[in-house]
Amino acid sequence: MYRQGDVLIVPVAEESVPAHVADAPAESRDTRGRLVLALGEVTGHAHAVLGAGRLVREPGPFGPLVLHLPKGGKVVHEEHAAIDLPRGWYRVIRQREYLPGAVRIVAD
């Protein structure tokens, strides 16, 4: 498992990746060519992946992301140390917090 700020990245065995991920539309890269896992609403900083790969958003308001890195990659953020990820599949989960009567994604 890997953690960078409010983003948790969990390795997933290839046979455990949901079948629909293969045909699901991938998230677009940003203007800098990165796969953005989480964008800071206040600072504009981003938890992002550099390297070849594909990012698919699961359905639902808190749907996790499924990340495939066929050659490995690097998670970067302006305020955190970079994390090297080996090749493979990952589930990306944003930290959530409970507010009375609601749940929300934690934001920078």
PDB file of N, CA and C in Angstrom:
ATOM      1  N   MET A   1       0.841  -1.179   0.000  1.00  0.00           N
ATOM      2  CA  MET A   1       0.000   0.000   0.000  1.00  0.00           C
ATOM      3  C   MET A   1       0.883   1.239   0.000  1.00  0.00           C
ATOM      4  N   TYR A   2       0.381   2.261  -0.645  1.00  0.00           N
ATOM      5  CA  TYR A   2       1.097   3.525  -0.723  1.00  0.00           C
ATOM      6  C   TYR A   2       0.126   4.643  -0.337  1.00  0.00           C
ATOM      7  N   ARG A   3       0.633   5.662   0.335  1.00  0.00           N
ATOM      8  CA  ARG A   3      -0.200   6.792   0.712  1.00  0.00           C
ATOM      9  C   ARG A   3       0.573   8.060   0.427  1.00  0.00           C
ATOM     10  N   GLN A   4      -0.126   9.005  -0.204  1.00  0.00           N
ATOM     11  CA  GLN A   4       0.438  10.329  -0.427  1.00  0.00           C
ATOM     12  C   GLN A   4      -0.665  11.319  -0.062  1.00  0.00           C
ATOM     13  N   GLY A   5      -0.517  11.963   1.092  1.00  0.00           N
ATOM     14  CA  GLY A   5      -1.551  12.885   1.550  1.00  0.00           C
ATOM     15  C   GLY A   5      -2.871  12.166   1.723  1.00  0.00           C
ATOM     16  N   ASP A   6      -3.925  12.659   1.076  1.00  0.00           N
ATOM     17  CA  ASP A   6      -5.267  12.076   1.221  1.00  0.00           C
ATOM     18  C   ASP A   6      -5.585  11.022   0.162  1.00  0.00           C
ATOM     19  N   VAL A   7      -4.554  10.504  -0.511  1.00  0.00           N
ATOM     20  CA  VAL A   7      -4.732   9.490  -1.557  1.00  0.00           C
ATOM     21  C   VAL A   7      -4.079   8.180  -1.109  1.00  0.00           C
ATOM     22  N   LEU A   8      -4.858   7.101  -1.136  1.00  0.00           N
ATOM     23  CA  LEU A   8      -4.367   5.769  -0.810  1.00  0.00           C
ATOM     24  C   LEU A   8      -4.316   4.958  -2.097  1.00  0.00           C
ATOM     25  N   ILE A   9      -3.198   4.291  -2.350  1.00  0.00           N
ATOM     26  CA  ILE A   9      -2.996   3.508  -3.575  1.00  0.00           C
ATOM     27  C   ILE A   9      -2.720   2.071  -3.155  1.00  0.00           C
ATOM     28  N   VAL A  10      -3.637   1.176  -3.533  1.00  0.00           N
ATOM     29  CA  VAL A  10      -3.583  -0.215  -3.085  1.00  0.00           C
ATOM     30  C   VAL A  10      -3.337  -1.125  -4.277  1.00  0.00           C
ATOM     31  N   PRO A  11      -2.265  -1.943  -4.247  1.00  0.00           N
ATOM     32  CA  PRO A  11      -2.049  -2.900  -5.336  1.00  0.00           C
ATOM     33  C   PRO A  11      -3.209  -3.890  -5.427  1.00  0.00           C
ATOM     34  N   VAL A  12      -3.545  -4.284  -6.658  1.00  0.00           N
ATOM     35  CA  VAL A  12      -4.638  -5.224  -6.915  1.00  0.00           C
ATOM     36  C   VAL A  12      -4.115  -6.301  -7.859  1.00  0.00           C
ATOM     37  N   ALA A  13      -4.394  -7.544  -7.529  1.00  0.00           N
ATOM     38  CA  ALA A  13      -4.013  -8.641  -8.426  1.00  0.00           C
ATOM     39  C   ALA A  13      -4.795  -8.510  -9.732  1.00  0.00           C
ATOM     40  N   GLU A  14      -4.144  -8.795 -10.842  1.00  0.00           N
ATOM     41  CA  GLU A  14      -4.785  -8.627 -12.151  1.00  0.00           C
ATOM     42  C   GLU A  14      -6.108  -9.386 -12.248  1.00  0.00           C
ATOM     43  N   GLU A  15      -6.172 -10.571 -11.668  1.00  0.00           N
ATOM     44  CA  GLU A  15      -7.415 -11.351 -11.737  1.00  0.00           C
ATOM     45  C   GLU A  15      -8.542 -10.742 -10.890  1.00  0.00           C
ATOM     46  N   SER A  16      -8.228  -9.789 -10.032  1.00  0.00           N
ATOM     47  CA  SER A  16      -9.243  -9.127  -9.206  1.00  0.00           C
ATOM     48  C   SER A  16      -9.762  -7.814  -9.808  1.00  0.00           C
ATOM     49  N   VAL A  17      -9.189  -7.403 -10.935  1.00  0.00           N
ATOM     50  CA  VAL A  17      -9.641  -6.173 -11.593  1.00  0.00           C
ATOM     51  C   VAL A  17     -11.013  -6.449 -12.211  1.00  0.00           C
ATOM     52  N   PRO A  18     -12.015  -5.593 -11.935  1.00  0.00           N
ATOM     53  CA  PRO A  18     -13.352  -5.823 -12.507  1.00  0.00           C
ATOM     54  C   PRO A  18     -13.296  -5.925 -14.034  1.00  0.00           C
ATOM     55  N   ALA A  19     -14.058  -6.854 -14.591  1.00  0.00           N
ATOM     56  CA  ALA A  19     -14.037  -7.114 -16.032  1.00  0.00           C
ATOM     57  C   ALA A  19     -14.391  -5.876 -16.863  1.00  0.00           C
ATOM     58  N   HIS A  20     -15.288  -5.035 -16.360  1.00  0.00           N
ATOM     59  CA  HIS A  20     -15.724  -3.870 -17.144  1.00  0.00           C
ATOM     60  C   HIS A  20     -14.624  -2.816 -17.320  1.00  0.00           C
ATOM     61  N   VAL A  21     -13.568  -2.891 -16.538  1.00  0.00           N
ATOM     62  CA  VAL A  21     -12.496  -1.890 -16.627  1.00  0.00           C
ATOM     63  C   VAL A  21     -11.823  -1.919 -18.004  1.00  0.00           C
ATOM     64  N   ALA A  22     -11.715  -3.093 -18.603  1.00  0.00           N
ATOM     65  CA  ALA A  22     -11.051  -3.207 -19.911  1.00  0.00           C
ATOM     66  C   ALA A  22     -11.737  -2.366 -20.978  1.00  0.00           C
ATOM     67  N   ASP A  23     -13.074  -2.240 -20.914  1.00  0.00           N
ATOM     68  CA  ASP A  23     -13.827  -1.504 -21.930  1.00  0.00           C
ATOM     69  C   ASP A  23     -14.268  -0.114 -21.470  1.00  0.00           C
ATOM     70  N   ALA A  24     -14.000   0.219 -20.224  1.00  0.00           N
ATOM     71  CA  ALA A  24     -14.443   1.510 -19.683  1.00  0.00           C
ATOM     72  C   ALA A  24     -13.599   2.640 -20.256  1.00  0.00           C
ATOM     73  N   PRO A  25     -14.195   3.814 -20.432  1.00  0.00           N
ATOM     74  CA  PRO A  25     -13.414   4.949 -20.926  1.00  0.00           C
ATOM     75  C   PRO A  25     -12.385   5.388 -19.887  1.00  0.00           C
ATOM     76  N   ALA A  26     -11.216   5.706 -20.359  1.00  0.00           N
ATOM     77  CA  ALA A  26     -10.133   6.144 -19.470  1.00  0.00           C
ATOM     78  C   ALA A  26     -10.246   7.635 -19.198  1.00  0.00           C
ATOM     79  N   GLU A  27      -9.754   8.046 -18.024  1.00  0.00           N
ATOM     80  CA  GLU A  27      -9.683   9.462 -17.691  1.00  0.00           C
ATOM     81  C   GLU A  27      -8.645  10.118 -18.603  1.00  0.00           C
ATOM     82  N   SER A  28      -8.888  11.353 -18.953  1.00  0.00           N
ATOM     83  CA  SER A  28      -7.943  12.100 -19.791  1.00  0.00           C
ATOM     84  C   SER A  28      -6.738  12.553 -18.976  1.00  0.00           C
ATOM     85  N   ARG A  29      -5.634  12.738 -19.645  1.00  0.00           N
ATOM     86  CA  ARG A  29      -4.449  13.312 -18.999  1.00  0.00           C
ATOM     87  C   ARG A  29      -4.609  14.826 -18.947  1.00  0.00           C
ATOM     88  N   ASP A  30      -3.943  15.454 -17.989  1.00  0.00           N
ATOM     89  CA  ASP A  30      -4.019  16.912 -17.904  1.00  0.00           C
ATOM     90  C   ASP A  30      -3.097  17.539 -18.951  1.00  0.00           C
ATOM     91  N   THR A  31      -3.015  18.853 -18.991  1.00  0.00           N
ATOM     92  CA  THR A  31      -2.213  19.549 -20.000  1.00  0.00           C
ATOM     93  C   THR A  31      -0.722  19.270 -19.865  1.00  0.00           C
ATOM     94  N   ARG A  32      -0.309  18.733 -18.708  1.00  0.00           N
ATOM     95  CA  ARG A  32       1.099  18.385 -18.502  1.00  0.00           C
ATOM     96  C   ARG A  32       1.364  16.902 -18.769  1.00  0.00           C
ATOM     97  N   GLY A  33       0.330  16.185 -19.261  1.00  0.00           N
ATOM     98  CA  GLY A  33       0.500  14.783 -19.611  1.00  0.00           C
ATOM     99  C   GLY A  33       0.407  13.828 -18.437  1.00  0.00           C
ATOM    100  N   ARG A  34      -0.114  14.285 -17.303  1.00  0.00           N
ATOM    101  CA  ARG A  34      -0.195  13.464 -16.094  1.00  0.00           C
ATOM    102  C   ARG A  34      -1.587  12.843 -15.952  1.00  0.00           C
ATOM    103  N   LEU A  35      -1.641  11.717 -15.263  1.00  0.00           N
ATOM    104  CA  LEU A  35      -2.911  11.124 -14.854  1.00  0.00           C
ATOM    105  C   LEU A  35      -3.203  11.667 -13.458  1.00  0.00           C
ATOM    106  N   VAL A  36      -4.201  12.509 -13.334  1.00  0.00           N
ATOM    107  CA  VAL A  36      -4.476  13.173 -12.061  1.00  0.00           C
ATOM    108  C   VAL A  36      -5.372  12.291 -11.193  1.00  0.00           C
ATOM    109  N   LEU A  37      -4.860  11.946 -10.000  1.00  0.00           N
ATOM    110  CA  LEU A  37      -5.603  11.136  -9.046  1.00  0.00           C
ATOM    111  C   LEU A  37      -6.482  12.003  -8.152  1.00  0.00           C
ATOM    112  N   ALA A  38      -5.994  13.195  -7.818  1.00  0.00           N
ATOM    113  CA  ALA A  38      -6.746  14.131  -6.969  1.00  0.00           C
ATOM    114  C   ALA A  38      -6.200  15.529  -7.216  1.00  0.00           C
ATOM    115  N   LEU A  39      -7.107  16.473  -7.361  1.00  0.00           N
ATOM    116  CA  LEU A  39      -6.729  17.863  -7.610  1.00  0.00           C
ATOM    117  C   LEU A  39      -7.091  18.695  -6.401  1.00  0.00           C
ATOM    118  N   GLY A  40      -6.123  19.473  -5.888  1.00  0.00           N
ATOM    119  CA  GLY A  40      -6.374  20.351  -4.747  1.00  0.00           C
ATOM    120  C   GLY A  40      -7.248  21.520  -5.158  1.00  0.00           C
ATOM    121  N   GLU A  41      -8.403  21.642  -4.510  1.00  0.00           N
ATOM    122  CA  GLU A  41      -9.336  22.706  -4.868  1.00  0.00           C
ATOM    123  C   GLU A  41      -8.853  24.070  -4.416  1.00  0.00           C
ATOM    124  N   VAL A  42      -8.083  24.115  -3.340  1.00  0.00           N
ATOM    125  CA  VAL A  42      -7.609  25.386  -2.807  1.00  0.00           C
ATOM    126  C   VAL A  42      -6.270  25.767  -3.428  1.00  0.00           C
ATOM    127  N   THR A  43      -5.326  24.815  -3.446  1.00  0.00           N
ATOM    128  CA  THR A  43      -3.964  25.114  -3.889  1.00  0.00           C
ATOM    129  C   THR A  43      -3.749  24.930  -5.382  1.00  0.00           C
ATOM    130  N   GLY A  44      -4.583  24.095  -6.023  1.00  0.00           N
ATOM    131  CA  GLY A  44      -4.368  23.776  -7.431  1.00  0.00           C
ATOM    132  C   GLY A  44      -3.303  22.714  -7.627  1.00  0.00           C
ATOM    133  N   HIS A  45      -2.690  22.237  -6.531  1.00  0.00           N
ATOM    134  CA  HIS A  45      -1.720  21.155  -6.627  1.00  0.00           C
ATOM    135  C   HIS A  45      -2.444  19.854  -6.935  1.00  0.00           C
ATOM    136  N   ALA A  46      -1.701  18.878  -7.458  1.00  0.00           N
ATOM    137  CA  ALA A  46      -2.345  17.622  -7.831  1.00  0.00           C
ATOM    138  C   ALA A  46      -1.506  16.426  -7.407  1.00  0.00           C
ATOM    139  N   HIS A  47      -2.195  15.369  -6.984  1.00  0.00           N
ATOM    140  CA  HIS A  47      -1.584  14.054  -6.841  1.00  0.00           C
ATOM    141  C   HIS A  47      -1.732  13.460  -8.237  1.00  0.00           C
ATOM    142  N   ALA A  48      -0.630  13.183  -8.898  1.00  0.00           N
ATOM    143  CA  ALA A  48      -0.686  12.755 -10.294  1.00  0.00           C
ATOM    144  C   ALA A  48       0.351  11.672 -10.566  1.00  0.00           C
ATOM    145  N   VAL A  49       0.097  10.888 -11.603  1.00  0.00           N
ATOM    146  CA  VAL A  49       1.002   9.810 -11.996  1.00  0.00           C
ATOM    147  C   VAL A  49       1.700  10.180 -13.287  1.00  0.00           C
ATOM    148  N   LEU A  50       3.013   9.997 -13.279  1.00  0.00           N
ATOM    149  CA  LEU A  50       3.829  10.171 -14.481  1.00  0.00           C
ATOM    150  C   LEU A  50       4.146   8.782 -15.021  1.00  0.00           C
ATOM    151  N   GLY A  51       4.092   8.626 -16.312  1.00  0.00           N
ATOM    152  CA  GLY A  51       4.426   7.350 -16.930  1.00  0.00           C
ATOM    153  C   GLY A  51       3.259   6.807 -17.730  1.00  0.00           C
ATOM    154  N   ALA A  52       3.565   5.768 -18.504  1.00  0.00           N
ATOM    155  CA  ALA A  52       2.538   5.133 -19.327  1.00  0.00           C
ATOM    156  C   ALA A  52       1.528   4.455 -18.427  1.00  0.00           C
ATOM    157  N   GLY A  53       0.268   4.579 -18.770  1.00  0.00           N
ATOM    158  CA  GLY A  53      -0.747   3.927 -17.958  1.00  0.00           C
ATOM    159  C   GLY A  53      -2.136   4.383 -18.326  1.00  0.00           C
ATOM    160  N   ARG A  54      -3.089   3.874 -17.584  1.00  0.00           N
ATOM    161  CA  ARG A  54      -4.503   4.144 -17.836  1.00  0.00           C
ATOM    162  C   ARG A  54      -5.211   4.263 -16.499  1.00  0.00           C
ATOM    163  N   LEU A  55      -6.125   5.224 -16.416  1.00  0.00           N
ATOM    164  CA  LEU A  55      -6.874   5.488 -15.195  1.00  0.00           C
ATOM    165  C   LEU A  55      -8.357   5.428 -15.522  1.00  0.00           C
ATOM    166  N   VAL A  56      -9.104   4.579 -14.789  1.00  0.00           N
ATOM    167  CA  VAL A  56     -10.539   4.414 -15.020  1.00  0.00           C
ATOM    168  C   VAL A  56     -11.275   4.747 -13.726  1.00  0.00           C
ATOM    169  N   ARG A  57     -12.302   5.596 -13.832  1.00  0.00           N
ATOM    170  CA  ARG A  57     -13.117   5.963 -12.665  1.00  0.00           C
ATOM    171  C   ARG A  57     -14.267   4.971 -12.525  1.00  0.00           C
ATOM    172  N   GLU A  58     -14.410   4.403 -11.334  1.00  0.00           N
ATOM    173  CA  GLU A  58     -15.518   3.500 -11.043  1.00  0.00           C
ATOM    174  C   GLU A  58     -16.780   4.322 -10.822  1.00  0.00           C
ATOM    175  N   PRO A  59     -17.960   3.762 -11.077  1.00  0.00           N
ATOM    176  CA  PRO A  59     -19.207   4.510 -10.904  1.00  0.00           C
ATOM    177  C   PRO A  59     -19.471   4.856  -9.437  1.00  0.00           C
ATOM    178  N   GLY A  60     -20.279   5.876  -9.242  1.00  0.00           N
ATOM    179  CA  GLY A  60     -20.705   6.264  -7.908  1.00  0.00           C
ATOM    180  C   GLY A  60     -20.017   7.527  -7.430  1.00  0.00           C
ATOM    181  N   PRO A  61     -20.622   8.211  -6.443  1.00  0.00           N
ATOM    182  CA  PRO A  61     -20.071   9.488  -5.995  1.00  0.00           C
ATOM    183  C   PRO A  61     -18.696   9.357  -5.345  1.00  0.00           C
ATOM    184  N   PHE A  62     -18.416   8.205  -4.729  1.00  0.00           N
ATOM    185  CA  PHE A  62     -17.110   7.997  -4.106  1.00  0.00           C
ATOM    186  C   PHE A  62     -16.357   6.882  -4.798  1.00  0.00           C
ATOM    187  N   GLY A  63     -16.766   6.592  -6.035  1.00  0.00           N
ATOM    188  CA  GLY A  63     -16.157   5.500  -6.775  1.00  0.00           C
ATOM    189  C   GLY A  63     -14.648   5.635  -6.828  1.00  0.00           C
ATOM    190  N   PRO A  64     -13.945   4.571  -6.463  1.00  0.00           N
ATOM    191  CA  PRO A  64     -12.489   4.641  -6.535  1.00  0.00           C
ATOM    192  C   PRO A  64     -12.031   4.655  -7.989  1.00  0.00           C
ATOM    193  N   LEU A  65     -10.772   4.884  -8.169  1.00  0.00           N
ATOM    194  CA  LEU A  65     -10.149   4.853  -9.481  1.00  0.00           C
ATOM    195  C   LEU A  65      -9.383   3.538  -9.611  1.00  0.00           C
ATOM    196  N   VAL A  66      -9.320   3.014 -10.817  1.00  0.00           N
ATOM    197  CA  VAL A  66      -8.498   1.841 -11.101  1.00  0.00           C
ATOM    198  C   VAL A  66      -7.371   2.327 -12.010  1.00  0.00           C
ATOM    199  N   LEU A  67      -6.146   2.063 -11.591  1.00  0.00           N
ATOM    200  CA  LEU A  67      -4.954   2.533 -12.295  1.00  0.00           C
ATOM    201  C   LEU A  67      -4.171   1.336 -12.799  1.00  0.00           C
ATOM    202  N   HIS A  68      -3.804   1.368 -14.087  1.00  0.00           N
ATOM    203  CA  HIS A  68      -2.953   0.314 -14.652  1.00  0.00           C
ATOM    204  C   HIS A  68      -1.657   0.953 -15.115  1.00  0.00           C
ATOM    205  N   LEU A  69      -0.552   0.444 -14.590  1.00  0.00           N
ATOM    206  CA  LEU A  69       0.774   0.928 -14.967  1.00  0.00           C
ATOM    207  C   LEU A  69       1.568  -0.235 -15.552  1.00  0.00           C
ATOM    208  N   PRO A  70       1.545  -0.386 -16.881  1.00  0.00           N
ATOM    209  CA  PRO A  70       2.213  -1.541 -17.495  1.00  0.00           C
ATOM    210  C   PRO A  70       3.732  -1.513 -17.364  1.00  0.00           C
ATOM    211  N   LYS A  71       4.299  -0.336 -17.121  1.00  0.00           N
ATOM    212  CA  LYS A  71       5.759  -0.223 -16.983  1.00  0.00           C
ATOM    213  C   LYS A  71       6.150   0.415 -15.657  1.00  0.00           C
ATOM    214  N   GLY A  72       5.194   0.587 -14.764  1.00  0.00           N
ATOM    215  CA  GLY A  72       5.463   1.295 -13.515  1.00  0.00           C
ATOM    216  C   GLY A  72       5.265   2.785 -13.725  1.00  0.00           C
ATOM    217  N   GLY A  73       5.378   3.543 -12.664  1.00  0.00           N
ATOM    218  CA  GLY A  73       5.176   4.982 -12.756  1.00  0.00           C
ATOM    219  C   GLY A  73       5.606   5.671 -11.477  1.00  0.00           C
ATOM    220  N   LYS A  74       5.365   6.956 -11.422  1.00  0.00           N
ATOM    221  CA  LYS A  74       5.763   7.757 -10.273  1.00  0.00           C
ATOM    222  C   LYS A  74       4.601   8.665  -9.894  1.00  0.00           C
ATOM    223  N   VAL A  75       4.222   8.643  -8.603  1.00  0.00           N
ATOM    224  CA  VAL A  75       3.189   9.536  -8.097  1.00  0.00           C
ATOM    225  C   VAL A  75       3.889  10.795  -7.586  1.00  0.00           C
ATOM    226  N   VAL A  76       3.441  11.943  -8.085  1.00  0.00           N
ATOM    227  CA  VAL A  76       4.079  13.207  -7.717  1.00  0.00           C
ATOM    228  C   VAL A  76       3.039  14.177  -7.144  1.00  0.00           C
ATOM    229  N   HIS A  77       3.524  15.109  -6.339  1.00  0.00           N
ATOM    230  CA  HIS A  77       2.707  16.188  -5.767  1.00  0.00           C
ATOM    231  C   HIS A  77       3.679  17.276  -5.348  1.00  0.00           C
ATOM    232  N   GLU A  78       3.253  18.500  -5.484  1.00  0.00           N
ATOM    233  CA  GLU A  78       4.129  19.637  -5.194  1.00  0.00           C
ATOM    234  C   GLU A  78       4.572  19.710  -3.730  1.00  0.00           C
ATOM    235  N   GLU A  79       3.811  19.125  -2.812  1.00  0.00           N
ATOM    236  CA  GLU A  79       4.132  19.236  -1.386  1.00  0.00           C
ATOM    237  C   GLU A  79       4.514  17.911  -0.726  1.00  0.00           C
ATOM    238  N   HIS A  80       4.678  16.842  -1.515  1.00  0.00           N
ATOM    239  CA  HIS A  80       5.001  15.527  -0.966  1.00  0.00           C
ATOM    240  C   HIS A  80       6.160  14.925  -1.751  1.00  0.00           C
ATOM    241  N   ALA A  81       6.856  13.989  -1.116  1.00  0.00           N
ATOM    242  CA  ALA A  81       7.913  13.254  -1.811  1.00  0.00           C
ATOM    243  C   ALA A  81       7.270  12.357  -2.869  1.00  0.00           C
ATOM    244  N   ALA A  82       7.956  12.163  -3.983  1.00  0.00           N
ATOM    245  CA  ALA A  82       7.463  11.286  -5.052  1.00  0.00           C
ATOM    246  C   ALA A  82       7.483   9.835  -4.581  1.00  0.00           C
ATOM    247  N   ILE A  83       6.580   9.039  -5.135  1.00  0.00           N
ATOM    248  CA  ILE A  83       6.499   7.615  -4.814  1.00  0.00           C
ATOM    249  C   ILE A  83       6.637   6.832  -6.109  1.00  0.00           C
ATOM    250  N   ASP A  84       7.598   5.914  -6.152  1.00  0.00           N
ATOM    251  CA  ASP A  84       7.741   5.024  -7.306  1.00  0.00           C
ATOM    252  C   ASP A  84       6.794   3.847  -7.142  1.00  0.00           C
ATOM    253  N   LEU A  85       6.023   3.568  -8.189  1.00  0.00           N
ATOM    254  CA  LEU A  85       5.114   2.422  -8.185  1.00  0.00           C
ATOM    255  C   LEU A  85       5.599   1.398  -9.193  1.00  0.00           C
ATOM    256  N   PRO A  86       5.707   0.136  -8.785  1.00  0.00           N
ATOM    257  CA  PRO A  86       6.062  -0.897  -9.756  1.00  0.00           C
ATOM    258  C   PRO A  86       4.907  -1.143 -10.725  1.00  0.00           C
ATOM    259  N   ARG A  87       5.200  -1.795 -11.829  1.00  0.00           N
ATOM    260  CA  ARG A  87       4.140  -2.074 -12.803  1.00  0.00           C
ATOM    261  C   ARG A  87       3.058  -2.917 -12.146  1.00  0.00           C
ATOM    262  N   GLY A  88       1.835  -2.719 -12.624  1.00  0.00           N
ATOM    263  CA  GLY A  88       0.729  -3.496 -12.094  1.00  0.00           C
ATOM    264  C   GLY A  88      -0.562  -2.699 -12.068  1.00  0.00           C
ATOM    265  N   TRP A  89      -1.534  -3.246 -11.339  1.00  0.00           N
ATOM    266  CA  TRP A  89      -2.858  -2.657 -11.184  1.00  0.00           C
ATOM    267  C   TRP A  89      -3.001  -2.117  -9.768  1.00  0.00           C
ATOM    268  N   TYR A  90      -3.750  -1.010  -9.649  1.00  0.00           N
ATOM    269  CA  TYR A  90      -3.942  -0.370  -8.353  1.00  0.00           C
ATOM    270  C   TYR A  90      -5.366   0.166  -8.239  1.00  0.00           C
ATOM    271  N   ARG A  91      -5.863   0.203  -7.025  1.00  0.00           N
ATOM    272  CA  ARG A  91      -7.114   0.897  -6.705  1.00  0.00           C
ATOM    273  C   ARG A  91      -6.700   2.166  -5.968  1.00  0.00           C
ATOM    274  N   VAL A  92      -7.221   3.289  -6.421  1.00  0.00           N
ATOM    275  CA  VAL A  92      -6.892   4.591  -5.835  1.00  0.00           C
ATOM    276  C   VAL A  92      -8.110   5.063  -5.054  1.00  0.00           C
ATOM    277  N   ILE A  93      -7.919   5.299  -3.763  1.00  0.00           N
ATOM    278  CA  ILE A  93      -9.022   5.669  -2.879  1.00  0.00           C
ATOM    279  C   ILE A  93      -8.731   7.019  -2.251  1.00  0.00           C
ATOM    280  N   ARG A  94      -9.676   7.925  -2.361  1.00  0.00           N
ATOM    281  CA  ARG A  94      -9.566   9.237  -1.716  1.00  0.00           C
ATOM    282  C   ARG A  94     -10.055   9.139  -0.279  1.00  0.00           C
ATOM    283  N   GLN A  95      -9.341   9.794   0.622  1.00  0.00           N
ATOM    284  CA  GLN A  95      -9.773   9.834   2.014  1.00  0.00           C
ATOM    285  C   GLN A  95     -11.095  10.586   2.103  1.00  0.00           C
ATOM    286  N   ARG A  96     -11.989  10.073   2.948  1.00  0.00           N
ATOM    287  CA  ARG A  96     -13.291  10.711   3.155  1.00  0.00           C
ATOM    288  C   ARG A  96     -13.410  11.101   4.615  1.00  0.00           C
ATOM    289  N   GLU A  97     -14.280  12.059   4.886  1.00  0.00           N
ATOM    290  CA  GLU A  97     -14.542  12.414   6.268  1.00  0.00           C
ATOM    291  C   GLU A  97     -16.042  12.496   6.492  1.00  0.00           C
ATOM    292  N   TYR A  98     -16.430  12.159   7.702  1.00  0.00           N
ATOM    293  CA  TYR A  98     -17.839  12.192   8.059  1.00  0.00           C
ATOM    294  C   TYR A  98     -18.179  13.563   8.615  1.00  0.00           C
ATOM    295  N   LEU A  99     -19.261  14.107   8.128  1.00  0.00           N
ATOM    296  CA  LEU A  99     -19.858  15.318   8.677  1.00  0.00           C
ATOM    297  C   LEU A  99     -21.260  14.905   9.105  1.00  0.00           C
ATOM    298  N   PRO A 100     -21.797  15.439  10.179  1.00  0.00           N
ATOM    299  CA  PRO A 100     -23.134  15.021  10.573  1.00  0.00           C
ATOM    300  C   PRO A 100     -24.110  15.092   9.391  1.00  0.00           C
ATOM    301  N   GLY A 101     -24.659  13.933   9.049  1.00  0.00           N
ATOM    302  CA  GLY A 101     -25.623  13.859   7.960  1.00  0.00           C
ATOM    303  C   GLY A 101     -25.014  13.731   6.573  1.00  0.00           C
ATOM    304  N   ALA A 102     -23.691  13.664   6.462  1.00  0.00           N
ATOM    305  CA  ALA A 102     -23.075  13.603   5.131  1.00  0.00           C
ATOM    306  C   ALA A 102     -21.673  12.999   5.215  1.00  0.00           C
ATOM    307  N   VAL A 103     -21.158  12.639   4.056  1.00  0.00           N
ATOM    308  CA  VAL A 103     -19.775  12.186   3.909  1.00  0.00           C
ATOM    309  C   VAL A 103     -19.209  12.968   2.759  1.00  0.00           C
ATOM    310  N   ARG A 104     -17.954  13.402   2.875  1.00  0.00           N
ATOM    311  CA  ARG A 104     -17.350  14.144   1.772  1.00  0.00           C
ATOM    312  C   ARG A 104     -15.912  13.692   1.572  1.00  0.00           C
ATOM    313  N   ILE A 105     -15.434  13.899   0.360  1.00  0.00           N
ATOM    314  CA  ILE A 105     -14.035  13.629   0.023  1.00  0.00           C
ATOM    315  C   ILE A 105     -13.195  14.732   0.664  1.00  0.00           C
ATOM    316  N   VAL A 106     -12.080  14.346   1.279  1.00  0.00           N
ATOM    317  CA  VAL A 106     -11.182  15.337   1.866  1.00  0.00           C
ATOM    318  C   VAL A 106     -10.532  16.119   0.739  1.00  0.00           C
ATOM    319  N   ALA A 107     -10.427  17.430   0.877  1.00  0.00           N
ATOM    320  CA  ALA A 107      -9.840  18.287  -0.155  1.00  0.00           C
ATOM    321  C   ALA A 107      -8.680  19.065   0.426  1.00  0.00           C
ATOM    322  N   ASP A 108      -7.685  19.347  -0.423  1.00  0.00           N
ATOM    323  CA  ASP A 108      -6.549  20.176  -0.004  1.00  0.00           C
ATOM    324  C   ASP A 108      -7.020  21.575   0.295  1.00  0.00           C
TER     325      ASP A 108
END
